[in-house]
């Protein structure tokens, strides 16, 4: 099992547009990507500019297929236009 925390620092005037695009990504991923356990968007309660996608995948292979999917390749590159600085992506493997 693989978990990913993809933290994004979104420009104040682009938050709604970012959420709209990621909503499409979340819907397409949950509907179409085999091996997806969870794929959700969260907003930091202290700083509304921080929007984080938290993902859970059955395997590295399932994650790789997701990253090659049409919806991922179309939407993810567009998200950079809405961010203040590069995001942080952390990949976790369950130990216990």
PDB file of N, CA and C in Angstrom:
ATOM      1  N   UNK A   1       0.845  -1.173   0.000  1.00  0.00           N
ATOM      2  CA  UNK A   1       0.000   0.000   0.000  1.00  0.00           C
ATOM      3  C   UNK A   1       0.895   1.242   0.000  1.00  0.00           C
ATOM      4  N   UNK A   2       0.494   2.237  -0.795  1.00  0.00           N
ATOM      5  CA  UNK A   2       1.217   3.494  -0.905  1.00  0.00           C
ATOM      6  C   UNK A   2       0.257   4.642  -0.566  1.00  0.00           C
ATOM      7  N   UNK A   3       0.732   5.555   0.270  1.00  0.00           N
ATOM      8  CA  UNK A   3      -0.038   6.776   0.554  1.00  0.00           C
ATOM      9  C   UNK A   3       0.784   7.961   0.062  1.00  0.00           C
ATOM     10  N   UNK A   4       0.082   8.957  -0.462  1.00  0.00           N
ATOM     11  CA  UNK A   4       0.729  10.166  -0.957  1.00  0.00           C
ATOM     12  C   UNK A   4       0.032  11.369  -0.344  1.00  0.00           C
ATOM     13  N   UNK A   5       0.849  12.330   0.075  1.00  0.00           N
ATOM     14  CA  UNK A   5       0.351  13.620   0.545  1.00  0.00           C
ATOM     15  C   UNK A   5       0.945  14.655  -0.401  1.00  0.00           C
ATOM     16  N   UNK A   6       0.092  15.232  -1.243  1.00  0.00           N
ATOM     17  CA  UNK A   6       0.517  16.209  -2.251  1.00  0.00           C
ATOM     18  C   UNK A   6       0.007  17.586  -1.837  1.00  0.00           C
ATOM     19  N   UNK A   7       0.903  18.360  -1.246  1.00  0.00           N
ATOM     20  CA  UNK A   7       0.568  19.662  -0.681  1.00  0.00           C
ATOM     21  C   UNK A   7       0.807  20.754  -1.712  1.00  0.00           C
ATOM     22  N   UNK A   8      -0.196  21.615  -1.890  1.00  0.00           N
ATOM     23  CA  UNK A   8      -0.129  22.692  -2.876  1.00  0.00           C
ATOM     24  C   UNK A   8      -0.353  24.035  -2.204  1.00  0.00           C
ATOM     25  N   UNK A   9       0.453  25.026  -2.596  1.00  0.00           N
ATOM     26  CA  UNK A   9       0.338  26.384  -2.072  1.00  0.00           C
ATOM     27  C   UNK A   9      -0.314  27.240  -3.160  1.00  0.00           C
ATOM     28  N   UNK A  10      -1.596  27.476  -3.020  1.00  0.00           N
ATOM     29  CA  UNK A  10      -2.399  28.074  -4.085  1.00  0.00           C
ATOM     30  C   UNK A  10      -2.526  29.593  -3.887  1.00  0.00           C
ATOM     31  N   UNK A  11      -2.423  30.325  -4.998  1.00  0.00           N
ATOM     32  CA  UNK A  11      -2.607  31.784  -4.978  1.00  0.00           C
ATOM     33  C   UNK A  11      -4.015  32.104  -4.478  1.00  0.00           C
ATOM     34  N   UNK A  12      -4.135  33.163  -3.676  1.00  0.00           N
ATOM     35  CA  UNK A  12      -5.418  33.517  -3.060  1.00  0.00           C
ATOM     36  C   UNK A  12      -6.531  33.694  -4.087  1.00  0.00           C
ATOM     37  N   UNK A  13      -6.221  34.305  -5.216  1.00  0.00           N
ATOM     38  CA  UNK A  13      -7.257  34.563  -6.221  1.00  0.00           C
ATOM     39  C   UNK A  13      -7.508  33.370  -7.147  1.00  0.00           C
ATOM     40  N   UNK A  14      -6.822  32.257  -6.896  1.00  0.00           N
ATOM     41  CA  UNK A  14      -6.963  31.074  -7.756  1.00  0.00           C
ATOM     42  C   UNK A  14      -7.508  29.856  -7.010  1.00  0.00           C
ATOM     43  N   UNK A  15      -7.857  30.030  -5.742  1.00  0.00           N
ATOM     44  CA  UNK A  15      -8.300  28.884  -4.938  1.00  0.00           C
ATOM     45  C   UNK A  15      -9.517  28.200  -5.551  1.00  0.00           C
ATOM     46  N   UNK A  16     -10.530  28.949  -5.933  1.00  0.00           N
ATOM     47  CA  UNK A  16     -11.750  28.338  -6.484  1.00  0.00           C
ATOM     48  C   UNK A  16     -11.483  27.616  -7.795  1.00  0.00           C
ATOM     49  N   UNK A  17     -10.639  28.192  -8.636  1.00  0.00           N
ATOM     50  CA  UNK A  17     -10.302  27.532  -9.904  1.00  0.00           C
ATOM     51  C   UNK A  17      -9.520  26.245  -9.651  1.00  0.00           C
ATOM     52  N   UNK A  18      -8.597  26.288  -8.708  1.00  0.00           N
ATOM     53  CA  UNK A  18      -7.826  25.106  -8.347  1.00  0.00           C
ATOM     54  C   UNK A  18      -8.753  24.002  -7.856  1.00  0.00           C
ATOM     55  N   UNK A  19      -9.652  24.361  -6.933  1.00  0.00           N
ATOM     56  CA  UNK A  19     -10.594  23.379  -6.392  1.00  0.00           C
ATOM     57  C   UNK A  19     -11.452  22.781  -7.501  1.00  0.00           C
ATOM     58  N   UNK A  20     -11.901  23.598  -8.433  1.00  0.00           N
ATOM     59  CA  UNK A  20     -12.722  23.112  -9.537  1.00  0.00           C
ATOM     60  C   UNK A  20     -11.982  22.073 -10.380  1.00  0.00           C
ATOM     61  N   UNK A  21     -10.737  22.381 -10.728  1.00  0.00           N
ATOM     62  CA  UNK A  21      -9.955  21.435 -11.528  1.00  0.00           C
ATOM     63  C   UNK A  21      -9.663  20.154 -10.764  1.00  0.00           C
ATOM     64  N   UNK A  22      -9.273  20.294  -9.505  1.00  0.00           N
ATOM     65  CA  UNK A  22      -8.950  19.105  -8.718  1.00  0.00           C
ATOM     66  C   UNK A  22     -10.197  18.270  -8.446  1.00  0.00           C
ATOM     67  N   UNK A  23     -11.347  18.910  -8.338  1.00  0.00           N
ATOM     68  CA  UNK A  23     -12.590  18.158  -8.175  1.00  0.00           C
ATOM     69  C   UNK A  23     -12.791  17.212  -9.363  1.00  0.00           C
ATOM     70  N   UNK A  24     -12.514  17.694 -10.568  1.00  0.00           N
ATOM     71  CA  UNK A  24     -12.614  16.835 -11.756  1.00  0.00           C
ATOM     72  C   UNK A  24     -11.613  15.692 -11.675  1.00  0.00           C
ATOM     73  N   UNK A  25     -10.394  16.015 -11.245  1.00  0.00           N
ATOM     74  CA  UNK A  25      -9.363  14.987 -11.120  1.00  0.00           C
ATOM     75  C   UNK A  25      -9.762  13.928 -10.087  1.00  0.00           C
ATOM     76  N   UNK A  26     -10.279  14.363  -8.959  1.00  0.00           N
ATOM     77  CA  UNK A  26     -10.717  13.445  -7.914  1.00  0.00           C
ATOM     78  C   UNK A  26     -11.844  12.541  -8.431  1.00  0.00           C
ATOM     79  N   UNK A  27     -12.818  13.129  -9.099  1.00  0.00           N
ATOM     80  CA  UNK A  27     -13.946  12.343  -9.610  1.00  0.00           C
ATOM     81  C   UNK A  27     -13.491  11.312 -10.637  1.00  0.00           C
ATOM     82  N   UNK A  28     -12.662  11.735 -11.586  1.00  0.00           N
ATOM     83  CA  UNK A  28     -12.174  10.816 -12.625  1.00  0.00           C
ATOM     84  C   UNK A  28     -11.308   9.715 -12.033  1.00  0.00           C
ATOM     85  N   UNK A  29     -10.477  10.081 -11.079  1.00  0.00           N
ATOM     86  CA  UNK A  29      -9.591   9.094 -10.456  1.00  0.00           C
ATOM     87  C   UNK A  29     -10.394   8.057  -9.687  1.00  0.00           C
ATOM     88  N   UNK A  30     -11.312   8.515  -8.843  1.00  0.00           N
ATOM     89  CA  UNK A  30     -12.111   7.572  -8.056  1.00  0.00           C
ATOM     90  C   UNK A  30     -13.001   6.697  -8.931  1.00  0.00           C
ATOM     91  N   UNK A  31     -13.429   7.213 -10.051  1.00  0.00           N
ATOM     92  CA  UNK A  31     -14.318   6.474 -10.950  1.00  0.00           C
ATOM     93  C   UNK A  31     -13.561   5.480 -11.827  1.00  0.00           C
ATOM     94  N   UNK A  32     -12.361   5.862 -12.293  1.00  0.00           N
ATOM     95  CA  UNK A  32     -11.718   5.101 -13.364  1.00  0.00           C
ATOM     96  C   UNK A  32     -10.414   4.395 -13.026  1.00  0.00           C
ATOM     97  N   UNK A  33      -9.736   4.784 -11.965  1.00  0.00           N
ATOM     98  CA  UNK A  33      -8.395   4.257 -11.741  1.00  0.00           C
ATOM     99  C   UNK A  33      -8.403   3.035 -10.828  1.00  0.00           C
ATOM    100  N   UNK A  34      -8.084   1.893 -11.420  1.00  0.00           N
ATOM    101  CA  UNK A  34      -8.000   0.648 -10.662  1.00  0.00           C
ATOM    102  C   UNK A  34      -6.902   0.770  -9.614  1.00  0.00           C
ATOM    103  N   UNK A  35      -7.157   0.207  -8.456  1.00  0.00           N
ATOM    104  CA  UNK A  35      -6.167   0.216  -7.392  1.00  0.00           C
ATOM    105  C   UNK A  35      -6.202   1.457  -6.521  1.00  0.00           C
ATOM    106  N   UNK A  36      -7.122   2.373  -6.804  1.00  0.00           N
ATOM    107  CA  UNK A  36      -7.265   3.586  -5.980  1.00  0.00           C
ATOM    108  C   UNK A  36      -8.146   3.246  -4.778  1.00  0.00           C
ATOM    109  N   UNK A  37      -7.595   3.419  -3.589  1.00  0.00           N
ATOM    110  CA  UNK A  37      -8.353   3.179  -2.358  1.00  0.00           C
ATOM    111  C   UNK A  37      -9.031   4.472  -1.918  1.00  0.00           C
ATOM    112  N   UNK A  38      -8.251   5.559  -1.903  1.00  0.00           N
ATOM    113  CA  UNK A  38      -8.768   6.887  -1.552  1.00  0.00           C
ATOM    114  C   UNK A  38      -8.047   7.931  -2.389  1.00  0.00           C
ATOM    115  N   UNK A  39      -8.773   8.959  -2.787  1.00  0.00           N
ATOM    116  CA  UNK A  39      -8.193  10.089  -3.519  1.00  0.00           C
ATOM    117  C   UNK A  39      -9.066  11.281  -3.181  1.00  0.00           C
ATOM    118  N   UNK A  40      -8.570  12.160  -2.292  1.00  0.00           N
ATOM    119  CA  UNK A  40      -9.407  13.228  -1.764  1.00  0.00           C
ATOM    120  C   UNK A  40      -8.639  14.541  -1.672  1.00  0.00           C
ATOM    121  N   UNK A  41      -9.377  15.644  -1.742  1.00  0.00           N
ATOM    122  CA  UNK A  41      -8.805  16.978  -1.612  1.00  0.00           C
ATOM    123  C   UNK A  41      -9.183  17.557  -0.255  1.00  0.00           C
ATOM    124  N   UNK A  42      -8.183  18.143   0.429  1.00  0.00           N
ATOM    125  CA  UNK A  42      -8.393  18.759   1.733  1.00  0.00           C
ATOM    126  C   UNK A  42      -7.850  20.183   1.718  1.00  0.00           C
ATOM    127  N   UNK A  43      -8.460  21.036   2.547  1.00  0.00           N
ATOM    128  CA  UNK A  43      -7.997  22.408   2.702  1.00  0.00           C
ATOM    129  C   UNK A  43      -7.563  22.610   4.145  1.00  0.00           C
ATOM    130  N   UNK A  44      -6.393  23.201   4.320  1.00  0.00           N
ATOM    131  CA  UNK A  44      -5.858  23.458   5.649  1.00  0.00           C
ATOM    132  C   UNK A  44      -6.810  24.374   6.419  1.00  0.00           C
ATOM    133  N   UNK A  45      -7.096  24.046   7.670  1.00  0.00           N
ATOM    134  CA  UNK A  45      -8.043  24.836   8.462  1.00  0.00           C
ATOM    135  C   UNK A  45      -7.446  26.148   8.952  1.00  0.00           C
ATOM    136  N   UNK A  46      -6.118  26.254   8.996  1.00  0.00           N
ATOM    137  CA  UNK A  46      -5.480  27.489   9.439  1.00  0.00           C
ATOM    138  C   UNK A  46      -5.053  28.378   8.278  1.00  0.00           C
ATOM    139  N   UNK A  47      -4.796  27.781   7.138  1.00  0.00           N
ATOM    140  CA  UNK A  47      -4.327  28.532   5.970  1.00  0.00           C
ATOM    141  C   UNK A  47      -5.054  28.013   4.733  1.00  0.00           C
ATOM    142  N   UNK A  48      -6.068  28.737   4.291  1.00  0.00           N
ATOM    143  CA  UNK A  48      -6.918  28.279   3.192  1.00  0.00           C
ATOM    144  C   UNK A  48      -6.182  28.181   1.856  1.00  0.00           C
ATOM    145  N   UNK A  49      -4.969  28.712   1.779  1.00  0.00           N
ATOM    146  CA  UNK A  49      -4.179  28.639   0.546  1.00  0.00           C
ATOM    147  C   UNK A  49      -3.505  27.283   0.375  1.00  0.00           C
ATOM    148  N   UNK A  50      -3.488  26.497   1.437  1.00  0.00           N
ATOM    149  CA  UNK A  50      -2.858  25.175   1.371  1.00  0.00           C
ATOM    150  C   UNK A  50      -3.932  24.139   1.080  1.00  0.00           C
ATOM    151  N   UNK A  51      -3.845  23.564  -0.102  1.00  0.00           N
ATOM    152  CA  UNK A  51      -4.781  22.525  -0.545  1.00  0.00           C
ATOM    153  C   UNK A  51      -3.978  21.259  -0.803  1.00  0.00           C
ATOM    154  N   UNK A  52      -4.417  20.170  -0.202  1.00  0.00           N
ATOM    155  CA  UNK A  52      -3.645  18.934  -0.222  1.00  0.00           C
ATOM    156  C   UNK A  52      -4.492  17.784  -0.738  1.00  0.00           C
ATOM    157  N   UNK A  53      -3.905  17.039  -1.656  1.00  0.00           N
ATOM    158  CA  UNK A  53      -4.532  15.807  -2.136  1.00  0.00           C
ATOM    159  C   UNK A  53      -3.908  14.668  -1.330  1.00  0.00           C
ATOM    160  N   UNK A  54      -4.760  13.876  -0.690  1.00  0.00           N
ATOM    161  CA  UNK A  54      -4.290  12.721   0.055  1.00  0.00           C
ATOM    162  C   UNK A  54      -4.803  11.481  -0.670  1.00  0.00           C
ATOM    163  N   UNK A  55      -3.849  10.634  -1.037  1.00  0.00           N
ATOM    164  CA  UNK A  55      -4.143   9.478  -1.881  1.00  0.00           C
ATOM    165  C   UNK A  55      -3.722   8.187  -1.191  1.00  0.00           C
ATOM    166  N   UNK A  56      -4.420   7.113  -1.525  1.00  0.00           N
ATOM    167  CA  UNK A  56      -4.020   5.786  -1.072  1.00  0.00           C
ATOM    168  C   UNK A  56      -4.196   4.819  -2.238  1.00  0.00           C
ATOM    169  N   UNK A  57      -3.128   4.066  -2.509  1.00  0.00           N
ATOM    170  CA  UNK A  57      -3.094   3.151  -3.651  1.00  0.00           C
ATOM    171  C   UNK A  57      -2.751   1.745  -3.194  1.00  0.00           C
ATOM    172  N   UNK A  58      -3.302   0.773  -3.886  1.00  0.00           N
ATOM    173  CA  UNK A  58      -3.022  -0.624  -3.562  1.00  0.00           C
ATOM    174  C   UNK A  58      -1.565  -0.983  -3.819  1.00  0.00           C
ATOM    175  N   UNK A  59      -0.956  -0.353  -4.838  1.00  0.00           N
ATOM    176  CA  UNK A  59       0.410  -0.725  -5.213  1.00  0.00           C
ATOM    177  C   UNK A  59       1.089   0.406  -5.987  1.00  0.00           C
ATOM    178  N   UNK A  60       2.392   0.282  -6.150  1.00  0.00           N
ATOM    179  CA  UNK A  60       3.143   1.238  -6.965  1.00  0.00           C
ATOM    180  C   UNK A  60       2.682   1.160  -8.419  1.00  0.00           C
ATOM    181  N   UNK A  61       2.319  -0.030  -8.850  1.00  0.00           N
ATOM    182  CA  UNK A  61       1.850  -0.213 -10.230  1.00  0.00           C
ATOM    183  C   UNK A  61       0.548   0.551 -10.476  1.00  0.00           C
ATOM    184  N   UNK A  62      -0.368   0.476  -9.522  1.00  0.00           N
ATOM    185  CA  UNK A  62      -1.639   1.211  -9.647  1.00  0.00           C
ATOM    186  C   UNK A  62      -1.383   2.711  -9.684  1.00  0.00           C
ATOM    187  N   UNK A  63      -0.462   3.181  -8.851  1.00  0.00           N
ATOM    188  CA  UNK A  63      -0.103   4.593  -8.855  1.00  0.00           C
ATOM    189  C   UNK A  63       0.490   4.992 -10.196  1.00  0.00           C
ATOM    190  N   UNK A  64       1.353   4.148 -10.746  1.00  0.00           N
ATOM    191  CA  UNK A  64       1.947   4.424 -12.050  1.00  0.00           C
ATOM    192  C   UNK A  64       0.910   4.526 -13.154  1.00  0.00           C
ATOM    193  N   UNK A  65      -0.087   3.656 -13.112  1.00  0.00           N
ATOM    194  CA  UNK A  65      -1.164   3.710 -14.105  1.00  0.00           C
ATOM    195  C   UNK A  65      -1.966   4.996 -13.956  1.00  0.00           C
ATOM    196  N   UNK A  66      -2.197   5.418 -12.735  1.00  0.00           N
ATOM    197  CA  UNK A  66      -2.901   6.681 -12.482  1.00  0.00           C
ATOM    198  C   UNK A  66      -2.121   7.853 -13.079  1.00  0.00           C
ATOM    199  N   UNK A  67      -0.819   7.865 -12.866  1.00  0.00           N
ATOM    200  CA  UNK A  67       0.007   8.969 -13.346  1.00  0.00           C
ATOM    201  C   UNK A  67       0.124   8.988 -14.874  1.00  0.00           C
ATOM    202  N   UNK A  68      -0.230   7.897 -15.513  1.00  0.00           N
ATOM    203  CA  UNK A  68      -0.234   7.822 -16.978  1.00  0.00           C
ATOM    204  C   UNK A  68      -1.630   8.004 -17.570  1.00  0.00           C
ATOM    205  N   UNK A  69      -2.633   8.133 -16.697  1.00  0.00           N
ATOM    206  CA  UNK A  69      -4.022   8.256 -17.156  1.00  0.00           C
ATOM    207  C   UNK A  69      -4.267   9.609 -17.816  1.00  0.00           C
ATOM    208  N   UNK A  70      -5.183   9.624 -18.766  1.00  0.00           N
ATOM    209  CA  UNK A  70      -5.498  10.835 -19.522  1.00  0.00           C
ATOM    210  C   UNK A  70      -5.884  11.997 -18.610  1.00  0.00           C
ATOM    211  N   UNK A  71      -6.770  11.751 -17.646  1.00  0.00           N
ATOM    212  CA  UNK A  71      -7.228  12.835 -16.764  1.00  0.00           C
ATOM    213  C   UNK A  71      -6.076  13.409 -15.940  1.00  0.00           C
ATOM    214  N   UNK A  72      -5.160  12.577 -15.491  1.00  0.00           N
ATOM    215  CA  UNK A  72      -3.997  13.058 -14.737  1.00  0.00           C
ATOM    216  C   UNK A  72      -3.100  13.908 -15.629  1.00  0.00           C
ATOM    217  N   UNK A  73      -2.792  13.401 -16.810  1.00  0.00           N
ATOM    218  CA  UNK A  73      -1.884  14.111 -17.728  1.00  0.00           C
ATOM    219  C   UNK A  73      -2.471  15.424 -18.241  1.00  0.00           C
ATOM    220  N   UNK A  74      -3.782  15.527 -18.299  1.00  0.00           N
ATOM    221  CA  UNK A  74      -4.424  16.761 -18.748  1.00  0.00           C
ATOM    222  C   UNK A  74      -4.543  17.801 -17.632  1.00  0.00           C
ATOM    223  N   UNK A  75      -4.911  17.364 -16.440  1.00  0.00           N
ATOM    224  CA  UNK A  75      -5.233  18.307 -15.365  1.00  0.00           C
ATOM    225  C   UNK A  75      -4.011  18.737 -14.563  1.00  0.00           C
ATOM    226  N   UNK A  76      -3.160  17.821 -14.175  1.00  0.00           N
ATOM    227  CA  UNK A  76      -2.047  18.150 -13.280  1.00  0.00           C
ATOM    228  C   UNK A  76      -1.143  19.258 -13.821  1.00  0.00           C
ATOM    229  N   UNK A  77      -0.752  19.249 -15.090  1.00  0.00           N
ATOM    230  CA  UNK A  77       0.091  20.357 -15.581  1.00  0.00           C
ATOM    231  C   UNK A  77      -0.577  21.733 -15.472  1.00  0.00           C
ATOM    232  N   UNK A  78      -1.892  21.788 -15.556  1.00  0.00           N
ATOM    233  CA  UNK A  78      -2.605  23.063 -15.448  1.00  0.00           C
ATOM    234  C   UNK A  78      -2.564  23.636 -14.039  1.00  0.00           C
ATOM    235  N   UNK A  79      -2.401  22.795 -13.043  1.00  0.00           N
ATOM    236  CA  UNK A  79      -2.439  23.241 -11.656  1.00  0.00           C
ATOM    237  C   UNK A  79      -1.280  24.164 -11.301  1.00  0.00           C
ATOM    238  N   UNK A  80      -0.170  24.030 -11.983  1.00  0.00           N
ATOM    239  CA  UNK A  80       1.004  24.865 -11.694  1.00  0.00           C
ATOM    240  C   UNK A  80       0.706  26.348 -11.876  1.00  0.00           C
ATOM    241  N   UNK A  81      -0.199  26.677 -12.775  1.00  0.00           N
ATOM    242  CA  UNK A  81      -0.554  28.084 -13.015  1.00  0.00           C
ATOM    243  C   UNK A  81      -1.265  28.719 -11.822  1.00  0.00           C
ATOM    244  N   UNK A  82      -1.768  27.911 -10.917  1.00  0.00           N
ATOM    245  CA  UNK A  82      -2.537  28.411  -9.784  1.00  0.00           C
ATOM    246  C   UNK A  82      -1.739  28.461  -8.477  1.00  0.00           C
ATOM    247  N   UNK A  83      -0.489  28.032  -8.516  1.00  0.00           N
ATOM    248  CA  UNK A  83       0.273  27.928  -7.275  1.00  0.00           C
ATOM    249  C   UNK A  83       1.283  29.061  -7.101  1.00  0.00           C
ATOM    250  N   UNK A  84       1.554  29.376  -5.828  1.00  0.00           N
ATOM    251  CA  UNK A  84       2.514  30.424  -5.478  1.00  0.00           C
ATOM    252  C   UNK A  84       3.950  29.939  -5.559  1.00  0.00           C
ATOM    253  N   UNK A  85       4.143  28.665  -5.246  1.00  0.00           N
ATOM    254  CA  UNK A  85       5.472  28.065  -5.230  1.00  0.00           C
ATOM    255  C   UNK A  85       5.311  26.562  -5.431  1.00  0.00           C
ATOM    256  N   UNK A  86       6.398  25.866  -5.700  1.00  0.00           N
ATOM    257  CA  UNK A  86       6.292  24.414  -5.883  1.00  0.00           C
ATOM    258  C   UNK A  86       5.702  23.731  -4.658  1.00  0.00           C
ATOM    259  N   UNK A  87       4.928  22.717  -4.914  1.00  0.00           N
ATOM    260  CA  UNK A  87       4.310  21.960  -3.835  1.00  0.00           C
ATOM    261  C   UNK A  87       5.255  20.930  -3.254  1.00  0.00           C
ATOM    262  N   UNK A  88       4.749  20.185  -2.307  1.00  0.00           N
ATOM    263  CA  UNK A  88       5.507  19.123  -1.662  1.00  0.00           C
ATOM    264  C   UNK A  88       4.757  17.818  -1.849  1.00  0.00           C
ATOM    265  N   UNK A  89       5.458  16.793  -2.320  1.00  0.00           N
ATOM    266  CA  UNK A  89       4.872  15.477  -2.486  1.00  0.00           C
ATOM    267  C   UNK A  89       5.625  14.485  -1.615  1.00  0.00           C
ATOM    268  N   UNK A  90       4.914  13.857  -0.705  1.00  0.00           N
ATOM    269  CA  UNK A  90       5.519  12.849   0.156  1.00  0.00           C
ATOM    270  C   UNK A  90       4.839  11.513  -0.116  1.00  0.00           C
ATOM    271  N   UNK A  91       5.658  10.488  -0.307  1.00  0.00           N
ATOM    272  CA  UNK A  91       5.188   9.145  -0.575  1.00  0.00           C
ATOM    273  C   UNK A  91       5.472   8.288   0.648  1.00  0.00           C
ATOM    274  N   UNK A  92       4.472   7.546   1.101  1.00  0.00           N
ATOM    275  CA  UNK A  92       4.603   6.752   2.314  1.00  0.00           C
ATOM    276  C   UNK A  92       4.251   5.297   2.033  1.00  0.00           C
ATOM    277  N   UNK A  93       5.001   4.422   2.678  1.00  0.00           N
ATOM    278  CA  UNK A  93       4.736   3.007   2.614  1.00  0.00           C
ATOM    279  C   UNK A  93       4.396   2.533   4.022  1.00  0.00           C
ATOM    280  N   UNK A  94       3.322   1.789   4.163  1.00  0.00           N
ATOM    281  CA  UNK A  94       2.876   1.341   5.476  1.00  0.00           C
ATOM    282  C   UNK A  94       3.873   0.334   6.051  1.00  0.00           C
ATOM    283  N   UNK A  95       4.227   0.549   7.310  1.00  0.00           N
ATOM    284  CA  UNK A  95       5.168  -0.341   7.970  1.00  0.00           C
ATOM    285  C   UNK A  95       4.487  -1.265   8.973  1.00  0.00           C
ATOM    286  N   UNK A  96       3.541  -0.744   9.712  1.00  0.00           N
ATOM    287  CA  UNK A  96       2.902  -1.542  10.764  1.00  0.00           C
ATOM    288  C   UNK A  96       1.392  -1.480  10.596  1.00  0.00           C
TER     289      UNK A  96
END
